[in-house]
Amino acid sequence: MVDVVSAEIRSRMMAGIRGKNTRPEMRLRRFLHKAGFRYRLHDRSLPGTPDVVLPRYRTAILIHGCFWHRHANCRFATTPATNAEFWKRKFSCNVERDSLAVEKLLSEGWRVIVVWECGLKSAAAEQSLDWLPGYISNGSARFLEWPITT
């Protein structure tokens, strides 16, 4: 399938994709702040540079885009038809890097929460995050992924 835009326009569009302060990230940060949590952002001293770090609770939150980080069985985790081998390599490297970062965080004694973009897309995302403050304060599991698609 031929791309509908020129290579220059596609390059500019791809360059505009942000890695920090994305809409899902901002939505989660506003929710946490309203719930009374204070946090650090993008702590480069930690493996994987977690998006949100709650040092008091020794919890790191990674906010993953479903497309780039390959959320299993998610409708947003599509694969482009053109240059398929490039995309397969790109996505597998992303998944491997994410997995290593989570393993390192866990081995350093951090609790890790992976929040997927699809869970934060709706306007009612704040109601769907009602479980999060209790989990941060009292959760015993060292790793949690939300939402889990089946």
N, C-alpha and C. Protein backbone atom coordinates (compact mmCIF):
# COMPACT_ATOMS: atom_id res chain seq x y z
N MET A 1 0.85 -1.18 0.00
CA MET A 1 0.00 0.00 0.00
C MET A 1 0.88 1.24 0.00
N VAL A 2 0.56 2.19 -0.81
CA VAL A 2 1.33 3.42 -0.94
C VAL A 2 0.91 4.40 0.14
N ASP A 3 1.89 5.09 0.71
CA ASP A 3 1.60 6.08 1.74
C ASP A 3 0.81 7.24 1.12
N VAL A 4 -0.10 7.81 1.87
CA VAL A 4 -0.95 8.88 1.34
C VAL A 4 -0.30 10.25 1.45
N VAL A 5 0.84 10.34 2.13
CA VAL A 5 1.57 11.60 2.22
C VAL A 5 3.00 11.39 1.75
N SER A 6 3.67 12.48 1.43
CA SER A 6 5.05 12.37 0.95
C SER A 6 5.98 11.98 2.10
N ALA A 7 7.18 11.55 1.74
CA ALA A 7 8.17 11.13 2.74
C ALA A 7 8.53 12.28 3.67
N GLU A 8 8.62 13.49 3.15
CA GLU A 8 8.96 14.65 3.98
C GLU A 8 7.86 14.94 5.00
N ILE A 9 6.62 14.86 4.57
CA ILE A 9 5.50 15.11 5.49
C ILE A 9 5.42 14.00 6.53
N ARG A 10 5.61 12.75 6.09
CA ARG A 10 5.57 11.63 7.05
C ARG A 10 6.68 11.78 8.08
N SER A 11 7.87 12.19 7.64
CA SER A 11 8.99 12.39 8.55
C SER A 11 8.66 13.47 9.58
N ARG A 12 8.07 14.56 9.14
CA ARG A 12 7.69 15.65 10.05
C ARG A 12 6.62 15.18 11.03
N MET A 13 5.68 14.38 10.54
CA MET A 13 4.62 13.86 11.43
C MET A 13 5.22 12.95 12.50
N MET A 14 6.13 12.06 12.10
CA MET A 14 6.74 11.14 13.05
C MET A 14 7.61 11.89 14.05
N ALA A 15 8.29 12.93 13.61
CA ALA A 15 9.13 13.72 14.51
C ALA A 15 8.31 14.46 15.55
N GLY A 16 7.04 14.70 15.25
CA GLY A 16 6.16 15.41 16.18
C GLY A 16 5.61 14.55 17.30
N ILE A 17 5.87 13.25 17.26
CA ILE A 17 5.37 12.36 18.31
C ILE A 17 6.23 12.55 19.55
N ARG A 18 5.58 12.92 20.63
CA ARG A 18 6.31 13.22 21.86
C ARG A 18 6.56 11.98 22.70
N GLY A 19 7.61 12.05 23.50
CA GLY A 19 7.90 10.96 24.42
C GLY A 19 7.57 11.33 25.85
N LYS A 20 7.42 12.62 26.11
CA LYS A 20 7.11 13.10 27.46
C LYS A 20 5.91 14.03 27.39
N ASN A 21 5.22 14.13 28.51
CA ASN A 21 4.07 15.03 28.64
C ASN A 21 2.98 14.74 27.60
N THR A 22 2.76 13.47 27.34
CA THR A 22 1.72 13.08 26.40
C THR A 22 0.36 13.24 27.06
N ARG A 23 -0.69 13.18 26.29
CA ARG A 23 -2.04 13.34 26.83
C ARG A 23 -2.36 12.28 27.89
N PRO A 24 -2.07 10.98 27.64
CA PRO A 24 -2.35 10.00 28.70
C PRO A 24 -1.53 10.27 29.97
N GLU A 25 -0.28 10.67 29.78
CA GLU A 25 0.57 10.96 30.94
C GLU A 25 0.01 12.13 31.74
N MET A 26 -0.39 13.17 31.08
CA MET A 26 -0.94 14.34 31.77
C MET A 26 -2.23 13.99 32.51
N ARG A 27 -3.05 13.16 31.89
CA ARG A 27 -4.30 12.75 32.53
C ARG A 27 -4.03 11.99 33.83
N LEU A 28 -3.06 11.06 33.80
CA LEU A 28 -2.71 10.30 34.99
C LEU A 28 -2.08 11.20 36.06
N ARG A 29 -1.21 12.10 35.64
CA ARG A 29 -0.56 13.00 36.60
C ARG A 29 -1.58 13.90 37.28
N ARG A 30 -2.56 14.42 36.55
CA ARG A 30 -3.60 15.25 37.16
C ARG A 30 -4.40 14.44 38.18
N PHE A 31 -4.72 13.19 37.82
CA PHE A 31 -5.46 12.33 38.73
C PHE A 31 -4.67 12.11 40.03
N LEU A 32 -3.40 11.77 39.90
CA LEU A 32 -2.57 11.52 41.08
C LEU A 32 -2.45 12.77 41.95
N HIS A 33 -2.29 13.91 41.33
CA HIS A 33 -2.15 15.16 42.08
C HIS A 33 -3.43 15.47 42.85
N LYS A 34 -4.58 15.31 42.19
CA LYS A 34 -5.86 15.53 42.87
C LYS A 34 -6.06 14.57 44.04
N ALA A 35 -5.51 13.36 43.90
CA ALA A 35 -5.64 12.35 44.96
C ALA A 35 -4.64 12.60 46.10
N GLY A 36 -3.81 13.63 45.98
CA GLY A 36 -2.90 14.00 47.06
C GLY A 36 -1.50 13.43 46.95
N PHE A 37 -1.19 12.78 45.85
CA PHE A 37 0.14 12.21 45.69
C PHE A 37 1.09 13.24 45.08
N ARG A 38 2.33 13.22 45.55
CA ARG A 38 3.37 14.06 44.98
C ARG A 38 4.42 13.13 44.40
N TYR A 39 4.97 13.52 43.29
CA TYR A 39 5.80 12.60 42.53
C TYR A 39 6.91 13.33 41.80
N ARG A 40 7.83 12.55 41.28
CA ARG A 40 8.88 13.05 40.41
C ARG A 40 8.59 12.57 39.00
N LEU A 41 9.06 13.36 38.03
CA LEU A 41 8.83 13.01 36.63
C LEU A 41 10.11 12.57 35.95
N HIS A 42 10.01 11.52 35.15
CA HIS A 42 11.09 11.09 34.26
C HIS A 42 12.44 11.03 34.96
N ASP A 43 12.51 10.28 36.04
CA ASP A 43 13.72 10.17 36.83
C ASP A 43 14.76 9.36 36.06
N ARG A 44 15.76 10.04 35.53
CA ARG A 44 16.77 9.40 34.69
C ARG A 44 17.73 8.52 35.48
N SER A 45 17.70 8.62 36.80
CA SER A 45 18.58 7.77 37.59
C SER A 45 18.01 6.35 37.74
N LEU A 46 16.76 6.15 37.33
CA LEU A 46 16.13 4.83 37.42
C LEU A 46 16.10 4.16 36.06
N PRO A 47 16.16 2.84 36.03
CA PRO A 47 16.11 2.11 34.76
C PRO A 47 14.82 2.41 34.00
N GLY A 48 14.94 2.68 32.72
CA GLY A 48 13.77 2.94 31.89
C GLY A 48 13.19 4.32 32.01
N THR A 49 13.77 5.18 32.84
CA THR A 49 13.27 6.54 33.06
C THR A 49 11.75 6.54 33.23
N PRO A 50 11.24 6.02 34.34
CA PRO A 50 9.78 5.95 34.53
C PRO A 50 9.12 7.31 34.39
N ASP A 51 7.89 7.31 33.86
CA ASP A 51 7.16 8.56 33.64
C ASP A 51 6.81 9.25 34.94
N VAL A 52 6.39 8.48 35.94
CA VAL A 52 6.01 9.02 37.24
C VAL A 52 6.68 8.16 38.31
N VAL A 53 7.34 8.81 39.26
CA VAL A 53 8.00 8.09 40.35
C VAL A 53 7.48 8.63 41.67
N LEU A 54 7.01 7.72 42.51
CA LEU A 54 6.53 8.08 43.85
C LEU A 54 7.53 7.53 44.85
N PRO A 55 8.59 8.30 45.18
CA PRO A 55 9.65 7.78 46.05
C PRO A 55 9.16 7.35 47.43
N ARG A 56 8.19 8.07 47.97
CA ARG A 56 7.67 7.74 49.30
C ARG A 56 7.11 6.32 49.35
N TYR A 57 6.52 5.88 48.25
CA TYR A 57 5.90 4.56 48.18
C TYR A 57 6.77 3.57 47.40
N ARG A 58 7.94 4.04 46.99
CA ARG A 58 8.88 3.23 46.20
C ARG A 58 8.17 2.57 45.01
N THR A 59 7.42 3.41 44.30
CA THR A 59 6.61 2.96 43.17
C THR A 59 6.96 3.76 41.92
N ALA A 60 7.15 3.05 40.82
CA ALA A 60 7.41 3.67 39.52
C ALA A 60 6.24 3.35 38.60
N ILE A 61 5.76 4.36 37.88
CA ILE A 61 4.66 4.17 36.95
C ILE A 61 5.17 4.45 35.55
N LEU A 62 4.97 3.47 34.67
CA LEU A 62 5.32 3.59 33.27
C LEU A 62 4.02 3.73 32.48
N ILE A 63 3.90 4.77 31.69
CA ILE A 63 2.70 4.98 30.89
C ILE A 63 3.08 4.65 29.45
N HIS A 64 2.54 3.55 28.95
CA HIS A 64 2.92 3.05 27.64
C HIS A 64 1.84 3.33 26.60
N GLY A 65 2.28 3.78 25.44
CA GLY A 65 1.39 3.89 24.29
C GLY A 65 1.17 2.50 23.71
N CYS A 66 -0.06 2.17 23.41
CA CYS A 66 -0.39 0.82 22.94
C CYS A 66 0.30 0.51 21.61
N PHE A 67 0.41 1.48 20.72
CA PHE A 67 1.05 1.27 19.42
C PHE A 67 2.54 1.00 19.57
N TRP A 68 3.26 1.87 20.24
CA TRP A 68 4.71 1.79 20.31
C TRP A 68 5.21 0.67 21.21
N HIS A 69 4.44 0.35 22.25
CA HIS A 69 4.90 -0.65 23.22
C HIS A 69 4.17 -1.97 23.09
N ARG A 70 3.29 -2.10 22.10
CA ARG A 70 2.65 -3.36 21.72
C ARG A 70 1.78 -3.97 22.82
N HIS A 71 0.75 -3.25 23.19
CA HIS A 71 -0.22 -3.75 24.17
C HIS A 71 -0.93 -4.96 23.57
N ALA A 72 -0.78 -6.12 24.20
CA ALA A 72 -1.33 -7.38 23.68
C ALA A 72 -2.85 -7.31 23.52
N ASN A 73 -3.33 -7.73 22.38
CA ASN A 73 -4.76 -7.80 22.06
C ASN A 73 -5.48 -6.47 22.12
N CYS A 74 -4.76 -5.38 21.96
CA CYS A 74 -5.38 -4.05 21.99
C CYS A 74 -5.63 -3.58 20.56
N ARG A 75 -6.75 -2.94 20.35
CA ARG A 75 -7.09 -2.49 19.00
C ARG A 75 -6.19 -1.35 18.52
N PHE A 76 -5.48 -0.71 19.44
CA PHE A 76 -4.58 0.38 19.05
C PHE A 76 -3.18 -0.11 18.71
N ALA A 77 -2.89 -1.37 18.94
CA ALA A 77 -1.56 -1.93 18.67
C ALA A 77 -1.50 -2.51 17.26
N THR A 78 -1.76 -1.67 16.28
CA THR A 78 -1.73 -2.10 14.89
C THR A 78 -0.31 -2.10 14.36
N THR A 79 -0.09 -2.79 13.26
CA THR A 79 1.22 -2.82 12.62
C THR A 79 1.08 -2.26 11.22
N PRO A 80 1.90 -1.27 10.87
CA PRO A 80 1.83 -0.71 9.52
C PRO A 80 2.11 -1.78 8.47
N ALA A 81 1.44 -1.70 7.33
CA ALA A 81 1.60 -2.69 6.27
C ALA A 81 2.87 -2.47 5.47
N THR A 82 3.29 -1.23 5.35
CA THR A 82 4.50 -0.95 4.59
C THR A 82 5.72 -1.08 5.48
N ASN A 83 6.79 -1.58 4.89
CA ASN A 83 8.06 -1.75 5.59
C ASN A 83 7.89 -2.60 6.85
N ALA A 84 7.20 -3.70 6.70
CA ALA A 84 6.80 -4.54 7.83
C ALA A 84 8.00 -5.05 8.63
N GLU A 85 9.08 -5.42 7.97
CA GLU A 85 10.25 -5.94 8.70
C GLU A 85 10.84 -4.88 9.62
N PHE A 86 10.93 -3.65 9.14
CA PHE A 86 11.43 -2.56 9.97
C PHE A 86 10.58 -2.42 11.22
N TRP A 87 9.26 -2.42 11.05
CA TRP A 87 8.36 -2.22 12.19
C TRP A 87 8.43 -3.37 13.17
N LYS A 88 8.56 -4.60 12.67
CA LYS A 88 8.68 -5.75 13.56
C LYS A 88 9.93 -5.63 14.43
N ARG A 89 11.04 -5.25 13.80
CA ARG A 89 12.29 -5.07 14.56
C ARG A 89 12.14 -3.94 15.57
N LYS A 90 11.58 -2.83 15.15
CA LYS A 90 11.39 -1.66 16.01
C LYS A 90 10.54 -2.03 17.23
N PHE A 91 9.42 -2.67 16.98
CA PHE A 91 8.51 -3.02 18.08
C PHE A 91 9.14 -4.05 19.01
N SER A 92 9.84 -5.04 18.45
CA SER A 92 10.45 -6.06 19.32
C SER A 92 11.55 -5.44 20.18
N CYS A 93 12.29 -4.48 19.64
CA CYS A 93 13.31 -3.78 20.46
C CYS A 93 12.64 -2.98 21.58
N ASN A 94 11.53 -2.32 21.27
CA ASN A 94 10.81 -1.56 22.29
C ASN A 94 10.33 -2.47 23.42
N VAL A 95 9.74 -3.60 23.05
CA VAL A 95 9.21 -4.54 24.05
C VAL A 95 10.35 -5.10 24.90
N GLU A 96 11.46 -5.44 24.27
CA GLU A 96 12.61 -5.97 25.00
C GLU A 96 13.16 -4.93 25.98
N ARG A 97 13.29 -3.69 25.52
CA ARG A 97 13.78 -2.61 26.38
C ARG A 97 12.84 -2.38 27.57
N ASP A 98 11.54 -2.40 27.32
CA ASP A 98 10.55 -2.25 28.40
C ASP A 98 10.68 -3.37 29.42
N SER A 99 10.83 -4.59 28.93
CA SER A 99 10.94 -5.75 29.81
C SER A 99 12.19 -5.65 30.70
N LEU A 100 13.30 -5.26 30.11
CA LEU A 100 14.54 -5.12 30.88
C LEU A 100 14.41 -4.02 31.94
N ALA A 101 13.77 -2.91 31.58
CA ALA A 101 13.60 -1.81 32.54
C ALA A 101 12.75 -2.26 33.73
N VAL A 102 11.67 -2.99 33.46
CA VAL A 102 10.81 -3.47 34.54
C VAL A 102 11.58 -4.44 35.43
N GLU A 103 12.32 -5.36 34.82
CA GLU A 103 13.12 -6.32 35.60
C GLU A 103 14.12 -5.60 36.50
N LYS A 104 14.79 -4.59 35.97
CA LYS A 104 15.78 -3.85 36.76
C LYS A 104 15.12 -3.10 37.90
N LEU A 105 13.98 -2.46 37.63
CA LEU A 105 13.27 -1.74 38.69
C LEU A 105 12.85 -2.70 39.80
N LEU A 106 12.32 -3.84 39.43
CA LEU A 106 11.89 -4.83 40.42
C LEU A 106 13.08 -5.34 41.23
N SER A 107 14.20 -5.57 40.57
CA SER A 107 15.38 -6.08 41.27
C SER A 107 15.97 -5.04 42.22
N GLU A 108 15.71 -3.76 41.95
CA GLU A 108 16.17 -2.69 42.83
C GLU A 108 15.17 -2.39 43.94
N GLY A 109 14.10 -3.16 44.01
CA GLY A 109 13.15 -3.03 45.11
C GLY A 109 11.99 -2.08 44.85
N TRP A 110 11.80 -1.67 43.61
CA TRP A 110 10.68 -0.79 43.27
C TRP A 110 9.45 -1.62 42.93
N ARG A 111 8.28 -1.06 43.23
CA ARG A 111 7.04 -1.62 42.71
C ARG A 111 6.80 -0.93 41.38
N VAL A 112 6.29 -1.67 40.40
CA VAL A 112 6.13 -1.13 39.06
C VAL A 112 4.68 -1.25 38.62
N ILE A 113 4.14 -0.15 38.12
CA ILE A 113 2.79 -0.14 37.55
C ILE A 113 2.94 0.28 36.10
N VAL A 114 2.43 -0.54 35.18
CA VAL A 114 2.40 -0.19 33.77
C VAL A 114 0.97 0.18 33.44
N VAL A 115 0.76 1.43 33.02
CA VAL A 115 -0.57 1.90 32.64
C VAL A 115 -0.56 2.08 31.13
N TRP A 116 -1.50 1.42 30.46
CA TRP A 116 -1.58 1.49 29.01
C TRP A 116 -2.45 2.66 28.56
N GLU A 117 -2.08 3.24 27.47
CA GLU A 117 -2.75 4.40 26.90
C GLU A 117 -4.25 4.18 26.71
N CYS A 118 -4.66 2.99 26.27
CA CYS A 118 -6.08 2.74 25.99
C CYS A 118 -6.94 2.89 27.24
N GLY A 119 -6.38 2.67 28.42
CA GLY A 119 -7.14 2.83 29.65
C GLY A 119 -7.35 4.28 30.03
N LEU A 120 -6.58 5.17 29.42
CA LEU A 120 -6.67 6.59 29.75
C LEU A 120 -7.30 7.42 28.63
N LYS A 121 -7.79 6.77 27.60
CA LYS A 121 -8.33 7.50 26.45
C LYS A 121 -9.70 8.11 26.69
N SER A 122 -10.55 7.42 27.44
CA SER A 122 -11.93 7.90 27.59
C SER A 122 -12.01 9.10 28.53
N ALA A 123 -13.09 9.83 28.40
CA ALA A 123 -13.32 10.98 29.28
C ALA A 123 -13.56 10.52 30.72
N ALA A 124 -13.99 9.28 30.88
CA ALA A 124 -14.26 8.73 32.21
C ALA A 124 -13.04 8.03 32.79
N ALA A 125 -11.86 8.38 32.32
CA ALA A 125 -10.63 7.70 32.77
C ALA A 125 -10.42 7.87 34.27
N GLU A 126 -10.79 9.04 34.79
CA GLU A 126 -10.57 9.27 36.23
C GLU A 126 -11.39 8.30 37.08
N GLN A 127 -12.61 8.00 36.67
CA GLN A 127 -13.41 7.04 37.43
C GLN A 127 -12.81 5.64 37.33
N SER A 128 -12.22 5.33 36.19
CA SER A 128 -11.64 3.99 36.03
C SER A 128 -10.33 3.84 36.79
N LEU A 129 -9.77 4.93 37.28
CA LEU A 129 -8.52 4.88 38.05
C LEU A 129 -8.74 4.90 39.56
N ASP A 130 -9.97 4.73 39.99
CA ASP A 130 -10.28 4.79 41.42
C ASP A 130 -9.48 3.80 42.26
N TRP A 131 -9.06 2.71 41.69
CA TRP A 131 -8.28 1.68 42.39
C TRP A 131 -6.85 2.12 42.67
N LEU A 132 -6.33 3.07 41.88
CA LEU A 132 -4.91 3.40 41.92
C LEU A 132 -4.41 3.97 43.25
N PRO A 133 -5.08 4.94 43.87
CA PRO A 133 -4.56 5.45 45.15
C PRO A 133 -4.43 4.37 46.22
N GLY A 134 -5.41 3.50 46.32
CA GLY A 134 -5.34 2.42 47.31
C GLY A 134 -4.21 1.46 47.00
N TYR A 135 -4.01 1.18 45.74
CA TYR A 135 -2.93 0.27 45.36
C TYR A 135 -1.57 0.88 45.67
N ILE A 136 -1.41 2.16 45.38
CA ILE A 136 -0.12 2.82 45.65
C ILE A 136 0.15 2.81 47.15
N SER A 137 -0.85 3.13 47.95
CA SER A 137 -0.67 3.21 49.40
C SER A 137 -0.54 1.85 50.08
N ASN A 138 -1.34 0.88 49.63
CA ASN A 138 -1.43 -0.38 50.37
C ASN A 138 -1.16 -1.63 49.55
N GLY A 139 -0.91 -1.48 48.25
CA GLY A 139 -0.76 -2.66 47.39
C GLY A 139 0.44 -3.50 47.76
N SER A 140 0.27 -4.80 47.64
CA SER A 140 1.37 -5.69 48.00
C SER A 140 2.06 -6.27 46.77
N ALA A 141 1.36 -6.33 45.64
CA ALA A 141 1.96 -6.88 44.43
C ALA A 141 3.09 -5.96 43.95
N ARG A 142 4.16 -6.55 43.50
CA ARG A 142 5.32 -5.76 43.06
C ARG A 142 5.16 -5.27 41.64
N PHE A 143 4.30 -5.93 40.85
CA PHE A 143 4.10 -5.53 39.45
C PHE A 143 2.63 -5.58 39.12
N LEU A 144 2.16 -4.55 38.43
CA LEU A 144 0.77 -4.48 38.02
C LEU A 144 0.71 -3.85 36.63
N GLU A 145 -0.15 -4.41 35.79
CA GLU A 145 -0.36 -3.89 34.45
C GLU A 145 -1.85 -3.58 34.32
N TRP A 146 -2.17 -2.37 33.83
CA TRP A 146 -3.57 -1.97 33.71
C TRP A 146 -3.79 -1.15 32.45
N PRO A 147 -4.89 -1.30 31.73
CA PRO A 147 -5.83 -2.41 31.81
C PRO A 147 -5.26 -3.64 31.09
N ILE A 148 -5.75 -4.77 31.48
CA ILE A 148 -5.34 -6.01 30.83
C ILE A 148 -6.42 -6.35 29.81
N THR A 149 -6.01 -6.50 28.56
CA THR A 149 -6.96 -6.86 27.51
C THR A 149 -6.93 -8.36 27.31
N THR A 150 -8.08 -8.90 26.92
CA THR A 150 -8.14 -10.34 26.69
C THR A 150 -8.52 -10.64 25.27
